[in-house]
Amino acid sequence: MEQSGAKMELRGAEWSRVKQSGPEWSRMEQSGAEWTRVEQNGAEWSRVDLSGAEWSRVKQSGPEWSRMEQSGAEWS
């Protein structure tokens, strides 16, 4: 994803499977290069950087992730 600084909102059950509020998600909050800034409507997470295998499990290169990659219905 190359939407640096783009505001994104978590919508629907599809992304809810990904969203974590505990230690597992905290491990994703590390210095990287692919995601510079991801913002949610709230306080659960403000910075998420893609780095390492943990987030790779979530990041899909197929249709499922592509739907979340758009700045349309699901990501605004």
Protein backbone atom coordinates (compact mmCIF):
# COMPACT_ATOMS: atom_id res chain seq x y z
CA MET A 1 0.00 0.00 0.00
CA GLU A 2 1.32 3.39 -0.92
CA GLN A 3 -1.30 5.55 0.74
CA SER A 4 1.08 7.33 3.06
CA GLY A 5 -0.81 9.55 5.47
CA ALA A 6 -4.15 8.57 4.03
CA LYS A 7 -6.97 8.42 6.51
CA MET A 8 -8.45 4.97 6.73
CA GLU A 9 -11.43 3.69 8.62
CA LEU A 10 -11.97 0.14 9.74
CA ARG A 11 -15.28 -1.08 8.42
CA GLY A 12 -17.03 -4.42 8.52
CA ALA A 13 -16.29 -7.86 9.86
CA GLU A 14 -13.62 -8.56 7.25
CA TRP A 15 -11.17 -6.10 8.76
CA SER A 16 -12.33 -6.88 12.28
CA ARG A 17 -10.59 -10.24 11.93
CA VAL A 18 -7.36 -8.31 11.49
CA LYS A 19 -7.85 -5.62 14.11
CA GLN A 20 -6.28 -6.46 17.44
CA SER A 21 -6.30 -4.41 20.62
CA GLY A 22 -3.88 -6.54 22.61
CA PRO A 23 -0.17 -7.43 22.63
CA GLU A 24 -0.30 -9.16 19.24
CA TRP A 25 -1.31 -5.90 17.58
CA SER A 26 1.28 -3.97 19.56
CA ARG A 27 3.98 -6.10 18.02
CA MET A 28 2.90 -4.75 14.65
CA GLU A 29 3.50 -1.19 15.82
CA GLN A 30 7.16 -1.21 14.86
CA SER A 31 9.38 0.83 12.67
CA GLY A 32 9.06 -0.12 9.01
CA ALA A 33 8.70 1.41 5.59
CA GLU A 34 5.63 0.05 3.86
CA TRP A 35 2.93 1.57 6.07
CA THR A 36 3.93 5.01 7.23
CA ARG A 37 0.69 6.04 8.81
CA VAL A 38 -2.64 4.33 9.34
CA GLU A 39 -5.32 6.10 11.32
CA GLN A 40 -8.45 4.71 12.85
CA ASN A 41 -11.54 6.55 14.08
CA GLY A 42 -10.53 6.13 17.70
CA ALA A 43 -7.49 5.39 19.79
CA GLU A 44 -6.80 1.68 19.41
CA TRP A 45 -4.00 2.25 16.95
CA SER A 46 -2.44 5.31 15.36
CA ARG A 47 0.69 3.91 13.74
CA VAL A 48 1.12 0.57 12.03
CA ASP A 49 4.19 -0.30 10.04
CA LEU A 50 4.49 -3.38 7.90
CA SER A 51 7.63 -5.14 8.98
CA GLY A 52 8.20 -8.85 9.47
CA ALA A 53 6.24 -12.05 9.23
CA GLU A 54 3.65 -11.22 11.86
CA TRP A 55 1.90 -8.65 9.67
CA SER A 56 2.62 -10.67 6.55
CA ARG A 57 0.04 -13.17 7.79
CA VAL A 58 -2.53 -10.38 7.56
CA LYS A 59 -1.33 -8.71 4.38
CA GLN A 60 -2.81 -10.48 1.39
CA SER A 61 -1.77 -10.06 -2.18
CA GLY A 62 -5.04 -11.46 -3.48
CA PRO A 63 -8.58 -10.10 -3.90
CA GLU A 64 -9.39 -9.99 -0.20
CA TRP A 65 -6.64 -7.50 0.62
CA SER A 66 -7.15 -5.60 -2.64
CA ARG A 67 -10.67 -4.76 -1.55
CA MET A 68 -9.27 -3.15 1.58
CA GLU A 69 -6.62 -1.35 -0.44
CA GLN A 70 -9.09 0.83 -2.28
CA SER A 71 -10.05 4.29 -1.14
CA GLY A 72 -13.73 3.58 -1.72
CA ALA A 73 -16.38 1.78 0.28
CA GLU A 74 -14.29 -0.08 2.83
CA TRP A 75 -11.30 2.27 3.20
CA SER A 76 -12.13 5.94 3.21
